[in-house]
Protein backbone atom coordinates (compact mmCIF):
# COMPACT_ATOMS: atom_id res chain seq x y z
CA MET A 1 19.89 -11.32 13.63
CA GLU A 2 16.04 -11.19 13.58
CA THR A 3 15.79 -8.54 10.99
CA LEU A 4 18.14 -10.79 8.80
CA ARG A 5 15.77 -13.64 9.31
CA ARG A 6 12.55 -11.58 8.39
CA SER A 7 14.30 -10.16 5.33
CA PHE A 8 15.54 -13.57 4.09
CA SER A 9 11.70 -14.79 4.54
CA ARG A 10 10.68 -12.44 1.82
CA TRP A 11 12.81 -14.31 -0.36
CA LYS A 12 12.00 -17.66 0.58
CA ARG A 13 10.16 -19.99 -1.58
CA TYR A 14 8.14 -22.89 -1.20
CA HIS A 15 7.65 -25.53 -4.11
CA ILE A 16 3.89 -27.12 -3.15
CA LYS A 17 1.34 -29.02 -4.82
CA VAL A 18 -2.48 -28.40 -4.83
CA HIS A 19 -4.60 -31.44 -5.41
CA LEU A 20 -7.82 -30.56 -7.49
CA ALA A 21 -10.17 -33.23 -6.07
CA GLU A 22 -12.66 -33.41 -8.87
CA GLU A 23 -10.30 -33.32 -11.49
CA ASP A 24 -7.71 -35.57 -10.17
CA LEU A 25 -4.92 -33.54 -11.01
CA LEU A 26 -1.85 -32.40 -8.77
CA LEU A 27 -0.74 -28.64 -9.93
CA PRO A 28 2.73 -27.34 -8.79
CA LEU A 29 2.88 -23.83 -7.31
CA THR A 30 5.50 -21.67 -6.22
CA VAL A 31 4.72 -19.61 -2.92
CA ARG A 32 5.83 -17.44 -0.36
CA PRO A 33 5.51 -18.06 3.52
CA THR A 34 3.57 -14.60 3.62
CA ASP A 35 1.04 -15.53 0.94
CA THR A 36 -2.60 -16.10 2.21
CA MET A 37 -5.06 -18.69 0.75
CA MET A 38 -6.51 -15.84 -1.32
CA ASP A 39 -3.11 -15.35 -3.12
CA LEU A 40 -3.00 -19.30 -3.84
CA ARG A 41 -6.63 -18.74 -5.50
CA ALA A 42 -5.14 -15.92 -7.44
CA TYR A 43 -2.03 -18.15 -8.91
CA LEU A 44 -4.80 -20.82 -9.94
CA VAL A 45 -6.44 -18.39 -11.69
CA GLN A 46 -3.60 -17.43 -13.74
CA GLU A 47 -3.31 -21.43 -14.27
CA GLY A 48 -6.53 -21.36 -15.62
CA VAL A 49 -8.12 -23.16 -12.71
CA THR A 50 -11.32 -21.88 -11.38
CA SER A 51 -11.45 -22.12 -7.70
CA TRP A 52 -14.60 -20.20 -6.90
CA LYS A 53 -16.78 -22.17 -3.98
CA LYS A 54 -14.08 -24.20 -3.11
CA ASN A 55 -12.11 -24.56 0.20
CA PHE A 56 -8.37 -25.28 0.78
CA HIS A 57 -7.55 -28.17 3.43
CA TYR A 58 -4.35 -28.87 4.98
CA ASN A 59 -3.40 -31.62 7.58
CA ALA A 60 -7.36 -32.22 7.74
CA ARG A 61 -8.45 -29.00 8.44
CA GLN A 62 -10.05 -26.07 6.62
CA LEU A 63 -7.64 -23.14 5.90
CA ASP A 64 -9.16 -19.56 6.43
CA GLU A 65 -8.90 -17.17 3.38
CA HIS A 66 -6.76 -14.72 5.24
CA GLU A 67 -4.56 -17.53 6.66
CA THR A 68 -0.98 -17.40 5.62
CA VAL A 69 1.19 -20.36 4.10
CA ARG A 70 3.30 -19.98 7.51
CA ALA A 71 0.30 -19.60 9.83
CA ALA A 72 -1.01 -23.00 8.12
CA LYS A 73 2.37 -24.66 8.62
CA ILE A 74 2.80 -25.58 5.22
CA GLN A 75 6.07 -26.60 4.23
CA ASN A 76 8.28 -27.14 1.25
CA GLY A 77 6.80 -30.08 -0.80
CA SER A 78 3.48 -30.32 0.99
CA VAL A 79 0.09 -31.10 -0.84
CA VAL A 80 -2.75 -28.70 -0.31
CA LEU A 81 -6.23 -29.86 -1.23
CA LEU A 82 -8.66 -27.78 -3.10
CA VAL A 83 -12.34 -29.28 -2.52
CA SER A 84 -16.09 -28.10 -3.49
CA GLU A 85 -17.88 -26.66 -0.84
CA LYS A 86 -20.45 -28.78 0.70
CA ARG A 87 -24.17 -28.00 0.32
């Protein structure tokens, strides 16, 4: 049963939104639970959004680049904030 559950998560998709604070824009993305924040950056680049020197935040906490969607406990319909690094 556990093997079946793991194989199902490969196909599972979450529809989330990334809030771009500087542009005041909500961008929809479809991600997998195994995607990392680096993968989210790549998806944003494909959409024409530069995310260099910006950090992802979810539930008032900064997310690590190698953290997965599942590890960050991001659920379907969640909003992830993308803000510039503080200097």
